Amino acid sequence: MASIWRTLSRTVTGERAPRRIAVTCPCQQTLRITLDVRGLTCPGCRTEYGHSEVLRLPLAGRRAAA
C-alpha cells in the first residue's frame, strides 16, 4: 500500500522516482537497489541483507550494449 501511495504522490507532484543502483551479491546475482532501501533478500541465494549490509555490497559491472 505504501508503494502505491508513493507512486501516486510522485505522479501528482511531478517528483522523479528514486534512482536505482545495481549491486552484486556474493552468489553473483545482480540486485537493483535505491539508497533508501530498508532491506532486501537476494532471490538467488535467499540471503537477507539489512540497510547497511546491502549498501556495502560491491557495485555491479556495467555491460556493453549489443
Protein backbone atom coordinates (compact mmCIF):
# COMPACT_ATOMS: atom_id res chain seq x y z
CA MET A 1 0.00 0.00 0.00
CA ALA A 2 2.85 2.39 0.85
CA SER A 3 4.45 1.74 -2.55
CA ILE A 4 1.22 2.65 -4.33
CA TRP A 5 0.92 5.83 -2.25
CA ARG A 6 4.49 6.92 -3.11
CA THR A 7 3.95 6.21 -6.81
CA LEU A 8 0.71 8.19 -6.92
CA SER A 9 2.18 11.06 -4.88
CA ARG A 10 5.14 11.31 -7.29
CA THR A 11 2.76 11.28 -10.25
CA VAL A 12 0.70 14.13 -8.82
CA THR A 13 3.65 16.28 -7.66
CA GLY A 14 5.91 15.53 -10.65
CA GLU A 15 8.68 14.13 -8.45
CA ARG A 16 11.01 11.66 -10.11
CA ALA A 17 11.36 8.07 -8.87
CA PRO A 18 14.48 7.26 -6.83
CA ARG A 19 17.47 6.22 -8.91
CA ARG A 20 18.28 2.52 -8.84
CA ILE A 21 21.82 1.21 -8.43
CA ALA A 22 22.98 -2.28 -9.40
CA VAL A 23 24.99 -4.18 -6.78
CA THR A 24 26.23 -7.76 -6.79
CA CYS A 25 25.51 -10.41 -4.15
CA PRO A 26 28.35 -12.89 -3.39
CA CYS A 27 26.29 -15.50 -5.30
CA GLN A 28 26.75 -13.28 -8.42
CA GLN A 29 23.07 -12.23 -8.51
CA THR A 30 22.64 -8.57 -9.56
CA LEU A 31 20.36 -6.63 -7.22
CA ARG A 32 18.82 -3.26 -8.13
CA ILE A 33 18.51 -1.06 -5.05
CA THR A 34 17.79 2.53 -4.09
CA LEU A 35 19.72 4.41 -1.41
CA ASP A 36 16.66 4.40 0.86
CA VAL A 37 16.18 0.61 0.75
CA ARG A 38 15.26 -0.82 4.17
CA GLY A 39 16.45 -4.33 3.49
CA LEU A 40 16.49 -6.94 0.76
CA THR A 41 16.51 -10.69 0.23
CA CYS A 42 18.59 -12.00 -2.66
CA PRO A 43 16.39 -14.08 -4.97
CA GLY A 44 19.38 -16.25 -5.94
CA CYS A 45 20.71 -17.44 -2.58
CA ARG A 46 17.93 -16.21 -0.23
CA THR A 47 20.44 -14.22 1.89
CA GLU A 48 18.80 -11.39 3.82
CA TYR A 49 20.54 -8.01 3.92
CA GLY A 50 19.71 -5.07 6.15
CA HIS A 51 20.04 -1.45 5.03
CA SER A 52 23.73 -1.05 5.90
CA GLU A 53 24.72 -4.51 4.59
CA VAL A 54 23.07 -4.05 1.19
CA LEU A 55 24.78 -0.66 0.78
CA ARG A 56 28.18 -2.33 1.39
CA LEU A 57 27.75 -4.81 -1.50
CA PRO A 58 30.05 -4.14 -4.48
CA LEU A 59 28.67 -2.28 -7.47
CA ALA A 60 27.74 -4.48 -10.42
CA GLY A 61 29.91 -4.21 -13.51
CA ARG A 62 28.40 -2.38 -16.44
CA ARG A 63 27.71 -4.35 -19.60
CA ALA A 64 28.25 -3.04 -23.08
CA ALA A 65 25.18 -2.69 -25.27
CA ALA A 66 24.95 -5.31 -28.00
